[in-house]
């Protein structure tokens, strides 16, 4: 399933984009794509995920592979880690003109309209959203 609003390079790390190209759409949990598209549509604001294609430094805010900096250490140490980013269920993003806490509050106020249950990371300067079902419409966690 492809996104209505986001280009693939905005949603996957550069390694995945180079290795799989358009075939990388197959990896996504459709709930994640539907949810991020819903947020974009309802807020009607610019959402930033990965921006490396435009010379930015956000490279691991969508799907991450095992050689991305944030996941590589687990691979090197021989440890298993199943991040929602590695299973194509998560996005770290920011919304133009809205601090992360304001976005989280907006999501809480609009949770009944969310297409799927989500998890949100609390207390960070970005919005981490994933579609792992924690048994409630919005579940807050701390890493």
N, C-alpha and C. Protein backbone atom coordinates (compact mmCIF):
# COMPACT_ATOMS: atom_id res chain seq x y z
N UNK A 1 0.84 -1.18 0.00
CA UNK A 1 0.00 0.00 0.00
C UNK A 1 0.88 1.24 0.00
N UNK A 2 0.61 2.17 -0.89
CA UNK A 2 1.37 3.41 -0.97
C UNK A 2 0.64 4.54 -0.27
N UNK A 3 1.40 5.53 0.17
CA UNK A 3 0.85 6.71 0.82
C UNK A 3 0.27 7.67 -0.21
N UNK A 4 -0.78 8.36 0.20
CA UNK A 4 -1.37 9.40 -0.65
C UNK A 4 -0.55 10.69 -0.60
N UNK A 5 0.18 10.91 0.50
CA UNK A 5 0.81 12.20 0.73
C UNK A 5 2.32 12.18 0.85
N UNK A 6 2.91 11.01 1.08
CA UNK A 6 4.35 10.95 1.33
C UNK A 6 5.05 10.14 0.25
N UNK A 7 6.21 10.63 -0.14
CA UNK A 7 7.07 9.89 -1.07
C UNK A 7 7.79 8.79 -0.27
N UNK A 8 8.15 7.74 -0.95
CA UNK A 8 8.79 6.62 -0.28
C UNK A 8 10.05 7.02 0.48
N UNK A 9 10.88 7.89 -0.12
CA UNK A 9 12.12 8.28 0.55
C UNK A 9 11.89 9.05 1.84
N UNK A 10 10.69 9.56 2.04
CA UNK A 10 10.35 10.22 3.30
C UNK A 10 10.06 9.20 4.40
N UNK A 11 9.76 7.98 4.01
CA UNK A 11 9.28 6.98 4.96
C UNK A 11 10.25 5.86 5.27
N UNK A 12 11.32 5.73 4.48
CA UNK A 12 12.30 4.66 4.71
C UNK A 12 13.71 5.25 4.76
N UNK A 13 14.61 4.53 5.41
CA UNK A 13 16.01 4.96 5.44
C UNK A 13 16.60 4.88 4.03
N UNK A 14 17.71 5.56 3.84
CA UNK A 14 18.37 5.58 2.53
C UNK A 14 18.78 4.17 2.08
N UNK A 15 19.22 3.34 3.03
CA UNK A 15 19.66 1.99 2.68
C UNK A 15 18.51 1.20 2.04
N UNK A 16 17.36 1.25 2.64
CA UNK A 16 16.19 0.54 2.11
C UNK A 16 15.78 1.13 0.77
N UNK A 17 15.80 2.44 0.68
CA UNK A 17 15.40 3.11 -0.56
C UNK A 17 16.31 2.71 -1.72
N UNK A 18 17.61 2.69 -1.47
CA UNK A 18 18.56 2.31 -2.51
C UNK A 18 18.43 0.83 -2.85
N UNK A 19 18.30 -0.02 -1.86
CA UNK A 19 18.26 -1.47 -2.08
C UNK A 19 16.98 -1.94 -2.75
N UNK A 20 15.83 -1.40 -2.31
CA UNK A 20 14.55 -1.92 -2.77
C UNK A 20 13.76 -0.98 -3.69
N UNK A 21 14.08 0.31 -3.66
CA UNK A 21 13.33 1.25 -4.47
C UNK A 21 11.84 1.14 -4.17
N UNK A 22 11.01 1.25 -5.20
CA UNK A 22 9.56 1.23 -5.04
C UNK A 22 9.03 -0.07 -4.45
N UNK A 23 9.81 -1.13 -4.52
CA UNK A 23 9.37 -2.41 -3.94
C UNK A 23 9.28 -2.33 -2.41
N UNK A 24 9.87 -1.31 -1.81
CA UNK A 24 9.84 -1.17 -0.35
C UNK A 24 8.44 -0.91 0.19
N UNK A 25 7.52 -0.49 -0.66
CA UNK A 25 6.14 -0.30 -0.19
C UNK A 25 5.57 -1.60 0.38
N UNK A 26 6.06 -2.74 -0.08
CA UNK A 26 5.53 -4.02 0.38
C UNK A 26 5.76 -4.26 1.87
N UNK A 27 6.73 -3.59 2.46
CA UNK A 27 7.09 -3.84 3.84
C UNK A 27 6.14 -3.19 4.85
N UNK A 28 5.42 -2.17 4.44
CA UNK A 28 4.65 -1.37 5.39
C UNK A 28 3.43 -2.07 5.94
N UNK A 29 3.21 -1.84 7.22
CA UNK A 29 1.94 -2.18 7.84
C UNK A 29 0.93 -1.17 7.29
N UNK A 30 -0.10 -1.60 6.58
CA UNK A 30 -1.06 -0.65 6.01
C UNK A 30 -1.66 0.29 7.06
N UNK A 31 -1.79 -0.18 8.29
CA UNK A 31 -2.34 0.68 9.36
C UNK A 31 -1.46 1.91 9.58
N UNK A 32 -0.15 1.74 9.45
CA UNK A 32 0.76 2.88 9.65
C UNK A 32 0.58 3.90 8.53
N UNK A 33 0.49 3.44 7.30
CA UNK A 33 0.31 4.34 6.16
C UNK A 33 -1.04 5.05 6.26
N UNK A 34 -2.09 4.31 6.54
CA UNK A 34 -3.42 4.90 6.64
C UNK A 34 -3.45 5.95 7.76
N UNK A 35 -2.80 5.66 8.87
CA UNK A 35 -2.81 6.58 10.02
C UNK A 35 -2.02 7.85 9.73
N UNK A 36 -0.82 7.73 9.16
CA UNK A 36 -0.04 8.95 8.89
C UNK A 36 -0.71 9.79 7.80
N UNK A 37 -1.33 9.14 6.83
CA UNK A 37 -2.09 9.88 5.81
C UNK A 37 -3.29 10.58 6.44
N UNK A 38 -3.97 9.92 7.37
CA UNK A 38 -5.11 10.52 8.06
C UNK A 38 -4.69 11.77 8.82
N UNK A 39 -3.55 11.68 9.53
CA UNK A 39 -3.05 12.84 10.29
C UNK A 39 -2.74 13.99 9.35
N UNK A 40 -2.05 13.70 8.25
CA UNK A 40 -1.72 14.73 7.26
C UNK A 40 -3.00 15.39 6.73
N UNK A 41 -3.98 14.59 6.41
CA UNK A 41 -5.23 15.10 5.85
C UNK A 41 -5.98 15.96 6.87
N UNK A 42 -6.08 15.49 8.09
CA UNK A 42 -6.85 16.22 9.11
C UNK A 42 -6.16 17.50 9.57
N UNK A 43 -4.84 17.46 9.74
CA UNK A 43 -4.11 18.66 10.16
C UNK A 43 -3.92 19.65 9.01
N UNK A 44 -3.81 19.12 7.81
CA UNK A 44 -3.57 19.95 6.62
C UNK A 44 -2.34 20.85 6.81
N UNK A 45 -1.27 20.25 7.35
CA UNK A 45 0.00 20.94 7.57
C UNK A 45 1.13 20.07 7.03
N UNK A 46 2.27 20.69 6.83
CA UNK A 46 3.45 19.95 6.39
C UNK A 46 3.93 19.05 7.52
N UNK A 47 4.17 17.80 7.19
CA UNK A 47 4.71 16.83 8.15
C UNK A 47 6.07 16.39 7.65
N UNK A 48 7.06 16.45 8.55
CA UNK A 48 8.43 16.06 8.22
C UNK A 48 8.73 14.71 8.86
N UNK A 49 9.18 13.78 8.04
CA UNK A 49 9.65 12.49 8.54
C UNK A 49 11.13 12.43 8.16
N UNK A 50 11.51 11.70 7.12
CA UNK A 50 12.89 11.74 6.62
C UNK A 50 13.03 12.86 5.60
N UNK A 51 14.15 13.57 5.67
CA UNK A 51 14.38 14.68 4.73
C UNK A 51 15.73 14.57 4.02
N UNK A 52 16.35 13.41 4.06
CA UNK A 52 17.68 13.25 3.46
C UNK A 52 17.69 13.53 1.96
N UNK A 53 16.59 13.30 1.29
CA UNK A 53 16.54 13.52 -0.16
C UNK A 53 16.71 15.00 -0.51
N UNK A 54 16.43 15.87 0.45
CA UNK A 54 16.58 17.32 0.25
C UNK A 54 17.79 17.87 0.99
N UNK A 55 18.71 17.00 1.37
CA UNK A 55 19.93 17.43 2.04
C UNK A 55 19.81 17.57 3.54
N UNK A 56 18.70 17.13 4.13
CA UNK A 56 18.52 17.20 5.57
C UNK A 56 19.19 16.05 6.30
N UNK A 57 19.12 16.09 7.62
CA UNK A 57 19.80 15.08 8.43
C UNK A 57 18.87 14.02 9.02
N UNK A 58 17.59 14.07 8.69
CA UNK A 58 16.65 13.06 9.17
C UNK A 58 16.70 11.87 8.21
N UNK A 59 17.28 10.77 8.67
CA UNK A 59 17.47 9.59 7.82
C UNK A 59 16.86 8.33 8.39
N UNK A 60 16.50 8.34 9.69
CA UNK A 60 16.05 7.12 10.36
C UNK A 60 14.71 7.32 11.07
N UNK A 61 13.91 8.27 10.58
CA UNK A 61 12.65 8.60 11.26
C UNK A 61 11.48 7.76 10.80
N UNK A 62 11.69 6.95 9.78
CA UNK A 62 10.65 6.03 9.32
C UNK A 62 11.12 4.61 9.53
N UNK A 63 11.07 3.81 8.48
CA UNK A 63 11.54 2.43 8.56
C UNK A 63 13.06 2.43 8.60
N UNK A 64 13.62 1.69 9.56
CA UNK A 64 15.08 1.59 9.72
C UNK A 64 15.50 0.16 9.43
N UNK A 65 16.65 0.03 8.81
CA UNK A 65 17.19 -1.30 8.58
C UNK A 65 18.24 -1.60 9.65
N UNK A 66 18.79 -2.80 9.60
CA UNK A 66 19.74 -3.24 10.62
C UNK A 66 21.11 -2.57 10.52
N UNK A 67 21.38 -1.83 9.43
CA UNK A 67 22.68 -1.14 9.36
C UNK A 67 22.56 0.35 9.63
N UNK A 68 21.36 0.84 9.89
CA UNK A 68 21.18 2.24 10.32
C UNK A 68 21.84 2.41 11.69
N UNK A 69 22.34 3.60 11.93
CA UNK A 69 23.06 3.88 13.16
C UNK A 69 22.26 3.48 14.41
N UNK A 70 20.98 3.79 14.44
CA UNK A 70 20.18 3.51 15.63
C UNK A 70 19.93 2.02 15.85
N UNK A 71 20.05 1.21 14.81
CA UNK A 71 19.83 -0.23 14.94
C UNK A 71 21.11 -1.05 14.85
N UNK A 72 22.14 -0.49 14.26
CA UNK A 72 23.39 -1.22 14.02
C UNK A 72 24.02 -1.78 15.28
N UNK A 73 23.98 -1.02 16.37
CA UNK A 73 24.63 -1.49 17.61
C UNK A 73 24.03 -2.80 18.09
N UNK A 74 22.72 -2.97 17.91
CA UNK A 74 22.08 -4.22 18.32
C UNK A 74 22.57 -5.37 17.45
N UNK A 75 22.74 -5.10 16.16
CA UNK A 75 23.24 -6.12 15.23
C UNK A 75 24.66 -6.51 15.58
N UNK A 76 25.52 -5.52 15.81
CA UNK A 76 26.93 -5.77 16.14
C UNK A 76 27.05 -6.58 17.43
N UNK A 77 26.20 -6.26 18.41
CA UNK A 77 26.24 -6.96 19.69
C UNK A 77 25.52 -8.32 19.64
N UNK A 78 24.95 -8.66 18.49
CA UNK A 78 24.26 -9.93 18.35
C UNK A 78 22.97 -10.01 19.15
N UNK A 79 22.36 -8.85 19.43
CA UNK A 79 21.12 -8.81 20.20
C UNK A 79 19.92 -8.66 19.28
N UNK A 80 18.86 -9.30 19.64
CA UNK A 80 17.61 -9.20 18.88
C UNK A 80 16.82 -8.00 19.40
N UNK A 81 16.36 -7.20 18.48
CA UNK A 81 15.52 -6.05 18.84
C UNK A 81 14.52 -5.83 17.72
N UNK A 82 13.26 -5.83 18.07
CA UNK A 82 12.20 -5.66 17.09
C UNK A 82 11.50 -4.32 17.31
N UNK A 83 12.16 -3.27 16.93
CA UNK A 83 11.59 -1.93 17.01
C UNK A 83 10.43 -1.83 16.03
N UNK A 84 9.44 -1.02 16.36
CA UNK A 84 8.33 -0.76 15.43
C UNK A 84 8.85 -0.08 14.16
N UNK A 85 9.99 0.59 14.26
CA UNK A 85 10.61 1.19 13.07
C UNK A 85 11.13 0.10 12.13
N UNK A 86 11.63 -0.98 12.68
CA UNK A 86 12.19 -2.04 11.83
C UNK A 86 11.10 -2.94 11.23
N UNK A 87 9.91 -2.88 11.79
CA UNK A 87 8.80 -3.66 11.25
C UNK A 87 7.83 -2.80 10.44
N UNK A 88 8.26 -1.61 10.07
CA UNK A 88 7.48 -0.68 9.22
C UNK A 88 6.13 -0.33 9.83
N UNK A 89 6.15 -0.12 11.15
CA UNK A 89 4.94 0.25 11.88
C UNK A 89 5.07 1.60 12.57
N UNK A 90 6.19 2.31 12.37
CA UNK A 90 6.42 3.53 13.16
C UNK A 90 6.99 4.67 12.33
N UNK A 91 6.66 5.87 12.78
CA UNK A 91 7.23 7.09 12.22
C UNK A 91 7.55 8.05 13.35
N UNK A 92 8.71 8.69 13.27
CA UNK A 92 9.02 9.84 14.10
C UNK A 92 8.82 11.04 13.19
N UNK A 93 8.03 12.00 13.62
CA UNK A 93 7.75 13.11 12.73
C UNK A 93 7.56 14.41 13.50
N UNK A 94 7.59 15.50 12.76
CA UNK A 94 7.24 16.81 13.31
C UNK A 94 6.26 17.46 12.35
N UNK A 95 5.49 18.37 12.88
CA UNK A 95 4.49 19.08 12.10
C UNK A 95 4.85 20.56 12.10
N UNK A 96 4.91 21.12 10.92
CA UNK A 96 5.28 22.53 10.77
C UNK A 96 4.33 23.40 11.58
N UNK A 97 4.92 24.20 12.48
CA UNK A 97 4.14 25.14 13.28
C UNK A 97 3.47 24.55 14.50
N UNK A 98 3.73 23.30 14.81
CA UNK A 98 3.13 22.66 15.99
C UNK A 98 4.19 21.93 16.81
N UNK A 99 4.40 22.34 18.05
CA UNK A 99 5.32 21.57 18.90
C UNK A 99 4.79 20.15 19.09
N UNK A 100 5.68 19.21 19.36
CA UNK A 100 5.32 17.81 19.49
C UNK A 100 4.22 17.58 20.52
N UNK A 101 4.31 18.26 21.65
CA UNK A 101 3.29 18.07 22.69
C UNK A 101 1.91 18.50 22.21
N UNK A 102 1.87 19.55 21.43
CA UNK A 102 0.59 20.02 20.87
C UNK A 102 0.02 18.98 19.90
N UNK A 103 0.89 18.34 19.12
CA UNK A 103 0.43 17.29 18.19
C UNK A 103 -0.11 16.11 18.99
N UNK A 104 0.62 15.70 20.03
CA UNK A 104 0.13 14.59 20.86
C UNK A 104 -1.22 14.92 21.50
N UNK A 105 -1.36 16.15 21.99
CA UNK A 105 -2.64 16.57 22.58
C UNK A 105 -3.75 16.56 21.54
N UNK A 106 -3.46 16.99 20.32
CA UNK A 106 -4.44 16.96 19.24
C UNK A 106 -4.87 15.52 18.95
N UNK A 107 -3.90 14.62 18.93
CA UNK A 107 -4.22 13.20 18.70
C UNK A 107 -5.12 12.66 19.81
N UNK A 108 -4.84 13.01 21.04
CA UNK A 108 -5.68 12.56 22.16
C UNK A 108 -7.10 13.11 22.01
N UNK A 109 -7.22 14.39 21.68
CA UNK A 109 -8.55 14.99 21.51
C UNK A 109 -9.33 14.35 20.35
N UNK A 110 -8.62 13.86 19.36
CA UNK A 110 -9.25 13.29 18.17
C UNK A 110 -9.14 11.76 18.10
N UNK A 111 -8.85 11.13 19.21
CA UNK A 111 -8.58 9.70 19.20
C UNK A 111 -9.76 8.86 18.73
N UNK A 112 -10.96 9.29 18.96
CA UNK A 112 -12.12 8.51 18.51
C UNK A 112 -12.18 8.40 17.00
N UNK A 113 -11.59 9.37 16.30
CA UNK A 113 -11.60 9.37 14.84
C UNK A 113 -10.38 8.69 14.23
N UNK A 114 -9.39 8.37 15.06
CA UNK A 114 -8.20 7.68 14.54
C UNK A 114 -8.61 6.39 13.85
N UNK A 115 -8.02 6.11 12.70
CA UNK A 115 -8.40 4.89 11.99
C UNK A 115 -7.99 3.61 12.72
N UNK A 116 -6.91 3.66 13.52
CA UNK A 116 -6.40 2.49 14.24
C UNK A 116 -5.84 2.92 15.58
N UNK A 117 -5.74 2.01 16.54
CA UNK A 117 -5.05 2.33 17.79
C UNK A 117 -3.58 2.65 17.52
N UNK A 118 -3.03 3.53 18.33
CA UNK A 118 -1.63 3.93 18.17
C UNK A 118 -0.94 3.95 19.53
N UNK A 119 0.38 3.92 19.45
CA UNK A 119 1.21 4.17 20.62
C UNK A 119 1.97 5.45 20.35
N UNK A 120 2.16 6.26 21.39
CA UNK A 120 2.92 7.51 21.30
C UNK A 120 4.00 7.50 22.37
N UNK A 121 5.18 7.96 22.00
CA UNK A 121 6.26 8.11 22.97
C UNK A 121 6.06 9.43 23.70
N UNK A 122 6.10 9.38 25.02
CA UNK A 122 5.88 10.57 25.84
C UNK A 122 7.19 11.31 26.09
N UNK A 123 7.08 12.63 26.23
CA UNK A 123 8.19 13.45 26.71
C UNK A 123 9.36 13.65 25.77
N UNK A 124 9.15 13.51 24.47
CA UNK A 124 10.23 13.76 23.50
C UNK A 124 9.85 14.94 22.61
N UNK A 125 10.86 15.53 21.95
CA UNK A 125 10.65 16.73 21.14
C UNK A 125 10.15 16.43 19.74
N UNK A 126 9.85 15.20 19.46
CA UNK A 126 9.28 14.79 18.18
C UNK A 126 8.07 13.92 18.50
N UNK A 127 7.32 13.56 17.49
CA UNK A 127 6.19 12.66 17.71
C UNK A 127 6.59 11.28 17.20
N UNK A 128 6.66 10.33 18.11
CA UNK A 128 6.82 8.92 17.71
C UNK A 128 5.43 8.33 17.74
N UNK A 129 5.02 7.80 16.60
CA UNK A 129 3.74 7.14 16.48
C UNK A 129 3.97 5.76 15.89
N UNK A 130 3.35 4.75 16.51
CA UNK A 130 3.40 3.43 15.89
C UNK A 130 2.05 2.75 16.03
N UNK A 131 1.86 1.72 15.23
CA UNK A 131 0.56 1.05 15.17
C UNK A 131 0.55 -0.31 15.85
N UNK A 132 1.48 -0.53 16.76
CA UNK A 132 1.41 -1.73 17.58
C UNK A 132 0.24 -1.57 18.54
N UNK A 133 -0.63 -2.51 18.57
CA UNK A 133 -1.86 -2.41 19.38
C UNK A 133 -1.54 -2.75 20.83
N UNK A 134 -1.73 -1.76 21.71
CA UNK A 134 -1.47 -1.95 23.14
C UNK A 134 -2.78 -2.07 23.92
N UNK A 135 -3.89 -2.30 23.22
CA UNK A 135 -5.15 -2.55 23.91
C UNK A 135 -6.00 -1.34 24.20
N UNK A 136 -5.57 -0.18 23.75
CA UNK A 136 -6.38 1.03 23.91
C UNK A 136 -6.13 1.93 22.70
N UNK A 137 -7.00 2.90 22.50
CA UNK A 137 -6.91 3.72 21.28
C UNK A 137 -5.59 4.48 21.21
N UNK A 138 -5.16 5.07 22.32
CA UNK A 138 -3.84 5.71 22.40
C UNK A 138 -3.15 5.22 23.66
N UNK A 139 -1.94 4.73 23.48
CA UNK A 139 -1.13 4.24 24.60
C UNK A 139 0.15 5.05 24.61
N UNK A 140 0.47 5.67 25.76
CA UNK A 140 1.72 6.42 25.90
C UNK A 140 2.75 5.53 26.56
N UNK A 141 3.99 5.61 26.04
CA UNK A 141 5.07 4.84 26.62
C UNK A 141 6.32 5.70 26.74
N UNK A 142 7.22 5.28 27.60
CA UNK A 142 8.56 5.86 27.71
C UNK A 142 9.54 4.77 27.37
N UNK A 143 10.53 5.10 26.56
CA UNK A 143 11.48 4.04 26.16
C UNK A 143 12.29 3.50 27.32
